[in-house]
N, C-alpha and C. Protein backbone atom coordinates (compact mmCIF):
# COMPACT_ATOMS: atom_id res chain seq x y z
N MET A 1 108.87 75.74 105.81
CA MET A 1 108.04 76.86 105.44
C MET A 1 108.07 76.97 103.91
N THR A 2 106.90 77.02 103.32
CA THR A 2 106.79 77.13 101.88
C THR A 2 106.40 78.56 101.53
N MET A 3 107.17 79.18 100.67
CA MET A 3 106.87 80.53 100.20
C MET A 3 106.59 80.46 98.71
N GLN A 4 105.47 81.02 98.32
CA GLN A 4 105.17 81.09 96.91
C GLN A 4 105.50 82.48 96.42
N THR A 5 106.36 82.54 95.43
CA THR A 5 106.72 83.83 94.83
C THR A 5 106.68 83.67 93.33
N SER A 6 106.75 84.76 92.65
CA SER A 6 106.77 84.71 91.19
C SER A 6 108.19 84.48 90.67
N THR A 7 109.13 84.31 91.59
CA THR A 7 110.51 84.06 91.18
C THR A 7 110.76 82.57 91.19
N SER A 8 111.74 82.15 90.42
CA SER A 8 112.08 80.73 90.39
C SER A 8 113.00 80.41 91.56
N ALA A 9 113.02 79.13 91.95
CA ALA A 9 113.89 78.70 93.04
C ALA A 9 115.30 78.57 92.49
N PRO A 10 116.32 78.79 93.21
CA PRO A 10 116.29 79.35 94.56
C PRO A 10 115.97 80.84 94.56
N MET A 11 115.53 81.30 95.71
CA MET A 11 115.16 82.70 95.85
C MET A 11 116.37 83.59 95.61
N PRO A 12 116.22 84.61 94.79
CA PRO A 12 117.35 85.53 94.56
C PRO A 12 117.77 86.23 95.85
N GLU A 13 119.04 86.47 95.98
CA GLU A 13 119.61 87.12 97.16
C GLU A 13 118.94 88.46 97.45
N GLU A 14 118.69 89.25 96.42
CA GLU A 14 118.09 90.57 96.61
C GLU A 14 116.69 90.47 97.21
N PHE A 15 115.93 89.48 96.76
CA PHE A 15 114.58 89.28 97.28
C PHE A 15 114.64 88.84 98.75
N ALA A 16 115.57 87.95 99.06
CA ALA A 16 115.76 87.51 100.44
C ALA A 16 116.14 88.69 101.34
N GLN A 17 116.96 89.60 100.82
CA GLN A 17 117.34 90.79 101.58
C GLN A 17 116.14 91.68 101.86
N LEU A 18 115.25 91.86 100.88
CA LEU A 18 114.04 92.66 101.08
C LEU A 18 113.16 92.05 102.17
N ILE A 19 113.00 90.74 102.13
CA ILE A 19 112.19 90.06 103.15
C ILE A 19 112.83 90.21 104.52
N ALA A 20 114.14 90.04 104.60
CA ALA A 20 114.85 90.17 105.88
C ALA A 20 114.70 91.58 106.45
N ARG A 21 114.76 92.59 105.58
CA ARG A 21 114.60 93.97 106.07
C ARG A 21 113.19 94.20 106.60
N ARG A 22 112.20 93.62 105.95
CA ARG A 22 110.82 93.76 106.43
C ARG A 22 110.68 93.12 107.81
N PHE A 23 111.21 91.90 107.97
CA PHE A 23 111.16 91.25 109.27
C PHE A 23 111.95 92.03 110.33
N ALA A 24 113.08 92.57 109.95
CA ALA A 24 113.88 93.36 110.89
C ALA A 24 113.11 94.59 111.36
N ALA A 25 112.34 95.19 110.46
CA ALA A 25 111.54 96.37 110.84
C ALA A 25 110.48 96.00 111.86
N LEU A 26 110.02 94.76 111.83
CA LEU A 26 108.99 94.31 112.77
C LEU A 26 109.58 93.78 114.08
N ALA A 27 110.87 93.62 114.13
CA ALA A 27 111.52 92.96 115.26
C ALA A 27 111.84 93.92 116.40
N ASP A 28 110.89 94.75 116.77
CA ASP A 28 111.08 95.68 117.88
C ASP A 28 109.75 95.82 118.62
N PRO A 29 109.76 95.65 119.94
CA PRO A 29 108.50 95.72 120.69
C PRO A 29 107.72 97.02 120.50
N MET A 30 108.40 98.15 120.40
CA MET A 30 107.69 99.42 120.21
C MET A 30 106.98 99.43 118.86
N ARG A 31 107.62 98.88 117.84
CA ARG A 31 107.00 98.87 116.52
C ARG A 31 105.78 97.95 116.49
N ILE A 32 105.86 96.85 117.19
CA ILE A 32 104.70 95.95 117.30
C ILE A 32 103.56 96.68 118.01
N ARG A 33 103.88 97.41 119.07
CA ARG A 33 102.86 98.16 119.79
C ARG A 33 102.26 99.27 118.92
N LEU A 34 103.08 99.92 118.12
CA LEU A 34 102.58 100.94 117.21
C LEU A 34 101.62 100.34 116.18
N LEU A 35 101.97 99.19 115.64
CA LEU A 35 101.08 98.53 114.69
C LEU A 35 99.76 98.14 115.35
N ASP A 36 99.85 97.68 116.58
CA ASP A 36 98.64 97.31 117.31
C ASP A 36 97.75 98.54 117.52
N ALA A 37 98.36 99.66 117.90
CA ALA A 37 97.60 100.89 118.11
C ALA A 37 96.97 101.38 116.80
N LEU A 38 97.71 101.28 115.71
CA LEU A 38 97.17 101.70 114.42
C LEU A 38 96.07 100.75 113.94
N ARG A 39 96.20 99.50 114.26
CA ARG A 39 95.15 98.54 113.91
C ARG A 39 93.85 98.93 114.58
N ASP A 40 93.93 99.31 115.86
CA ASP A 40 92.74 99.68 116.62
C ASP A 40 92.17 101.02 116.19
N ARG A 41 93.02 101.98 115.83
CA ARG A 41 92.59 103.34 115.54
C ARG A 41 92.33 103.61 114.06
N GLY A 42 92.95 102.85 113.20
CA GLY A 42 92.86 103.13 111.77
C GLY A 42 93.96 104.08 111.34
N GLU A 43 94.01 105.25 111.94
CA GLU A 43 95.10 106.19 111.68
C GLU A 43 95.26 107.07 112.91
N ALA A 44 96.46 107.61 113.05
CA ALA A 44 96.75 108.45 114.21
C ALA A 44 98.00 109.28 113.94
N SER A 45 98.10 110.39 114.67
CA SER A 45 99.29 111.24 114.58
C SER A 45 100.37 110.69 115.52
N VAL A 46 101.56 111.20 115.35
CA VAL A 46 102.68 110.83 116.22
C VAL A 46 102.32 111.14 117.67
N GLY A 47 101.77 112.33 117.91
CA GLY A 47 101.41 112.73 119.27
C GLY A 47 100.37 111.82 119.88
N GLU A 48 99.36 111.44 119.11
CA GLU A 48 98.33 110.54 119.61
C GLU A 48 98.90 109.17 119.95
N LEU A 49 99.78 108.68 119.08
CA LEU A 49 100.40 107.38 119.34
C LEU A 49 101.33 107.44 120.54
N ALA A 50 102.09 108.52 120.66
CA ALA A 50 102.99 108.67 121.80
C ALA A 50 102.20 108.68 123.10
N GLU A 51 101.10 109.40 123.12
CA GLU A 51 100.27 109.46 124.33
C GLU A 51 99.66 108.10 124.63
N ALA A 52 99.16 107.42 123.63
CA ALA A 52 98.52 106.12 123.83
C ALA A 52 99.50 105.08 124.37
N LEU A 53 100.77 105.18 123.95
CA LEU A 53 101.76 104.19 124.35
C LEU A 53 102.65 104.64 125.49
N GLY A 54 102.46 105.87 125.95
CA GLY A 54 103.29 106.37 127.03
C GLY A 54 104.75 106.49 126.62
N ALA A 55 104.97 106.94 125.40
CA ALA A 55 106.33 107.04 124.87
C ALA A 55 106.57 108.47 124.41
N GLY A 56 107.83 108.80 124.20
CA GLY A 56 108.19 110.12 123.70
C GLY A 56 107.90 110.25 122.21
N GLN A 57 107.55 111.46 121.79
CA GLN A 57 107.23 111.68 120.38
C GLN A 57 108.42 111.40 119.46
N ALA A 58 109.60 111.75 119.88
CA ALA A 58 110.79 111.51 119.05
C ALA A 58 111.00 110.01 118.84
N ASN A 59 110.81 109.23 119.90
CA ASN A 59 110.97 107.78 119.82
C ASN A 59 109.92 107.18 118.89
N VAL A 60 108.67 107.60 119.05
CA VAL A 60 107.58 107.09 118.21
C VAL A 60 107.84 107.47 116.76
N SER A 61 108.24 108.71 116.51
CA SER A 61 108.51 109.17 115.16
C SER A 61 109.62 108.36 114.50
N LYS A 62 110.67 108.06 115.26
CA LYS A 62 111.79 107.27 114.74
C LYS A 62 111.30 105.88 114.31
N HIS A 63 110.52 105.23 115.16
CA HIS A 63 110.03 103.89 114.84
C HIS A 63 109.05 103.90 113.67
N LEU A 64 108.20 104.91 113.61
CA LEU A 64 107.28 105.02 112.48
C LEU A 64 108.06 105.22 111.18
N GLY A 65 109.16 105.95 111.25
CA GLY A 65 110.00 106.15 110.07
C GLY A 65 110.56 104.84 109.54
N VAL A 66 110.98 103.97 110.44
CA VAL A 66 111.49 102.65 110.03
C VAL A 66 110.37 101.85 109.37
N LEU A 67 109.19 101.86 109.99
CA LEU A 67 108.06 101.11 109.43
C LEU A 67 107.63 101.68 108.07
N GLN A 68 107.69 102.99 107.94
CA GLN A 68 107.31 103.63 106.66
C GLN A 68 108.33 103.28 105.59
N GLN A 69 109.59 103.32 105.94
CA GLN A 69 110.65 103.02 104.97
C GLN A 69 110.49 101.61 104.39
N GLN A 70 109.97 100.69 105.19
CA GLN A 70 109.78 99.31 104.74
C GLN A 70 108.39 99.07 104.15
N GLY A 71 107.59 100.12 104.03
CA GLY A 71 106.28 99.98 103.41
C GLY A 71 105.21 99.39 104.29
N VAL A 72 105.46 99.36 105.59
CA VAL A 72 104.49 98.78 106.53
C VAL A 72 103.41 99.80 106.89
N VAL A 73 103.80 101.05 107.08
CA VAL A 73 102.85 102.12 107.37
C VAL A 73 102.94 103.19 106.30
N ALA A 74 101.83 103.92 106.16
CA ALA A 74 101.78 105.05 105.23
C ALA A 74 101.67 106.33 106.05
N ARG A 75 102.11 107.42 105.45
CA ARG A 75 102.09 108.73 106.12
C ARG A 75 101.44 109.75 105.20
N ARG A 76 100.58 110.56 105.78
CA ARG A 76 100.01 111.68 105.03
C ARG A 76 100.06 112.91 105.92
N LYS A 77 100.12 114.06 105.28
CA LYS A 77 100.17 115.32 106.02
C LYS A 77 98.75 115.84 106.24
N ASP A 78 98.51 116.36 107.43
CA ASP A 78 97.25 117.02 107.77
C ASP A 78 97.64 118.33 108.46
N GLY A 79 97.80 119.37 107.65
CA GLY A 79 98.33 120.63 108.19
C GLY A 79 99.78 120.42 108.58
N THR A 80 100.08 120.65 109.86
CA THR A 80 101.44 120.46 110.35
C THR A 80 101.66 119.07 110.93
N ARG A 81 100.60 118.28 111.00
CA ARG A 81 100.70 116.94 111.59
C ARG A 81 100.92 115.87 110.52
N ALA A 82 101.64 114.84 110.92
CA ALA A 82 101.80 113.65 110.08
C ALA A 82 100.85 112.59 110.64
N ILE A 83 100.02 112.03 109.77
CA ILE A 83 99.06 111.02 110.16
C ILE A 83 99.51 109.69 109.57
N TYR A 84 99.56 108.66 110.41
CA TYR A 84 100.03 107.35 109.99
C TYR A 84 98.89 106.34 109.99
N SER A 85 99.01 105.37 109.08
CA SER A 85 98.05 104.27 108.99
C SER A 85 98.78 103.03 108.49
N ILE A 86 98.14 101.89 108.60
CA ILE A 86 98.73 100.65 108.10
C ILE A 86 98.68 100.66 106.58
N ALA A 87 99.82 100.46 105.94
CA ALA A 87 99.90 100.43 104.48
C ALA A 87 99.83 99.01 103.94
N ASP A 88 100.25 98.05 104.74
CA ASP A 88 100.29 96.65 104.31
C ASP A 88 99.50 95.80 105.29
N PRO A 89 98.22 95.52 105.01
CA PRO A 89 97.41 94.72 105.92
C PRO A 89 97.96 93.31 106.12
N GLY A 90 98.80 92.85 105.20
CA GLY A 90 99.42 91.53 105.36
C GLY A 90 100.26 91.45 106.62
N VAL A 91 100.81 92.57 107.04
CA VAL A 91 101.61 92.60 108.27
C VAL A 91 100.73 92.28 109.48
N LEU A 92 99.50 92.79 109.46
CA LEU A 92 98.58 92.49 110.56
C LEU A 92 98.21 91.01 110.58
N ARG A 93 98.03 90.42 109.39
CA ARG A 93 97.75 88.98 109.34
C ARG A 93 98.94 88.18 109.86
N LEU A 94 100.14 88.63 109.52
CA LEU A 94 101.34 87.96 110.03
C LEU A 94 101.39 88.04 111.55
N CYS A 95 101.10 89.21 112.11
CA CYS A 95 101.09 89.37 113.56
C CYS A 95 100.06 88.46 114.21
N GLU A 96 98.88 88.34 113.59
CA GLU A 96 97.85 87.45 114.12
C GLU A 96 98.32 86.00 114.12
N GLU A 97 99.00 85.59 113.05
CA GLU A 97 99.53 84.23 112.98
C GLU A 97 100.54 83.99 114.10
N VAL A 98 101.43 84.94 114.30
CA VAL A 98 102.45 84.80 115.35
C VAL A 98 101.77 84.75 116.73
N CYS A 99 100.80 85.64 116.95
CA CYS A 99 100.08 85.65 118.23
C CYS A 99 99.38 84.32 118.47
N GLY A 100 98.77 83.76 117.43
CA GLY A 100 98.11 82.47 117.56
C GLY A 100 99.08 81.37 117.94
N GLY A 101 100.27 81.40 117.33
CA GLY A 101 101.29 80.41 117.67
C GLY A 101 101.77 80.55 119.11
N ILE A 102 101.91 81.78 119.57
CA ILE A 102 102.34 82.01 120.95
C ILE A 102 101.26 81.55 121.92
N ARG A 103 100.00 81.85 121.61
CA ARG A 103 98.89 81.39 122.47
C ARG A 103 98.88 79.87 122.59
N GLN A 104 99.08 79.18 121.46
CA GLN A 104 99.11 77.72 121.47
C GLN A 104 100.28 77.22 122.32
N GLN A 105 101.42 77.83 122.17
CA GLN A 105 102.58 77.43 122.95
C GLN A 105 102.32 77.64 124.44
N LEU A 106 101.69 78.74 124.81
CA LEU A 106 101.38 79.00 126.22
C LEU A 106 100.39 77.97 126.77
N ARG A 107 99.39 77.60 125.94
CA ARG A 107 98.43 76.57 126.38
C ARG A 107 99.14 75.25 126.63
N GLU A 108 100.06 74.90 125.75
CA GLU A 108 100.81 73.65 125.91
C GLU A 108 101.68 73.69 127.16
N LEU A 109 102.34 74.81 127.42
CA LEU A 109 103.16 74.95 128.62
C LEU A 109 102.31 74.89 129.88
N GLU A 110 101.15 75.54 129.82
CA GLU A 110 100.24 75.52 130.96
C GLU A 110 99.77 74.10 131.25
N ALA A 111 99.47 73.33 130.21
CA ALA A 111 99.04 71.94 130.39
C ALA A 111 100.16 71.12 131.02
N LEU A 112 101.39 71.35 130.60
CA LEU A 112 102.52 70.64 131.19
C LEU A 112 102.69 70.98 132.66
N LEU A 113 102.53 72.25 132.99
CA LEU A 113 102.63 72.68 134.39
C LEU A 113 101.53 72.05 135.24
N GLU A 114 100.33 71.99 134.70
CA GLU A 114 99.22 71.38 135.42
C GLU A 114 99.47 69.90 135.66
N GLN A 115 100.05 69.22 134.68
CA GLN A 115 100.38 67.80 134.84
C GLN A 115 101.43 67.61 135.94
N GLY A 116 102.39 68.53 135.99
CA GLY A 116 103.45 68.44 136.99
C GLY A 116 102.93 68.67 138.40
N THR A 117 101.94 69.51 138.60
CA THR A 117 101.40 69.76 139.93
C THR A 117 100.36 68.72 140.33
N ALA A 118 99.85 67.97 139.35
CA ALA A 118 98.82 66.97 139.66
C ALA A 118 99.45 65.68 140.15
N VAL A 119 100.75 65.51 140.01
CA VAL A 119 101.42 64.28 140.42
C VAL A 119 101.56 64.18 141.90
């Protein structure tokens, strides 16, 4: 994997830590689902997201807090409600890349299974 950064090689430890924290923030199924819901809606409140995902508001709020802390989502106040949106569209591109890789892997596994049943 080639990463282009404005830093010289080797990558500084602090920069690697920032990247690792961003990936760690994405490494939870609920957070992936929240990003997917925000991608579709543009922006939504905690209550709207909780209802859409069938999850508790406290749980959704906790996960949104992690994503906000890492700069993945943005939060704005609308009266008493907090409204969230995607702050870093690069995260959505990353998710699309990962989804594409998983789809390809599934196609390859499916082809192998078909070969095994055709014998």
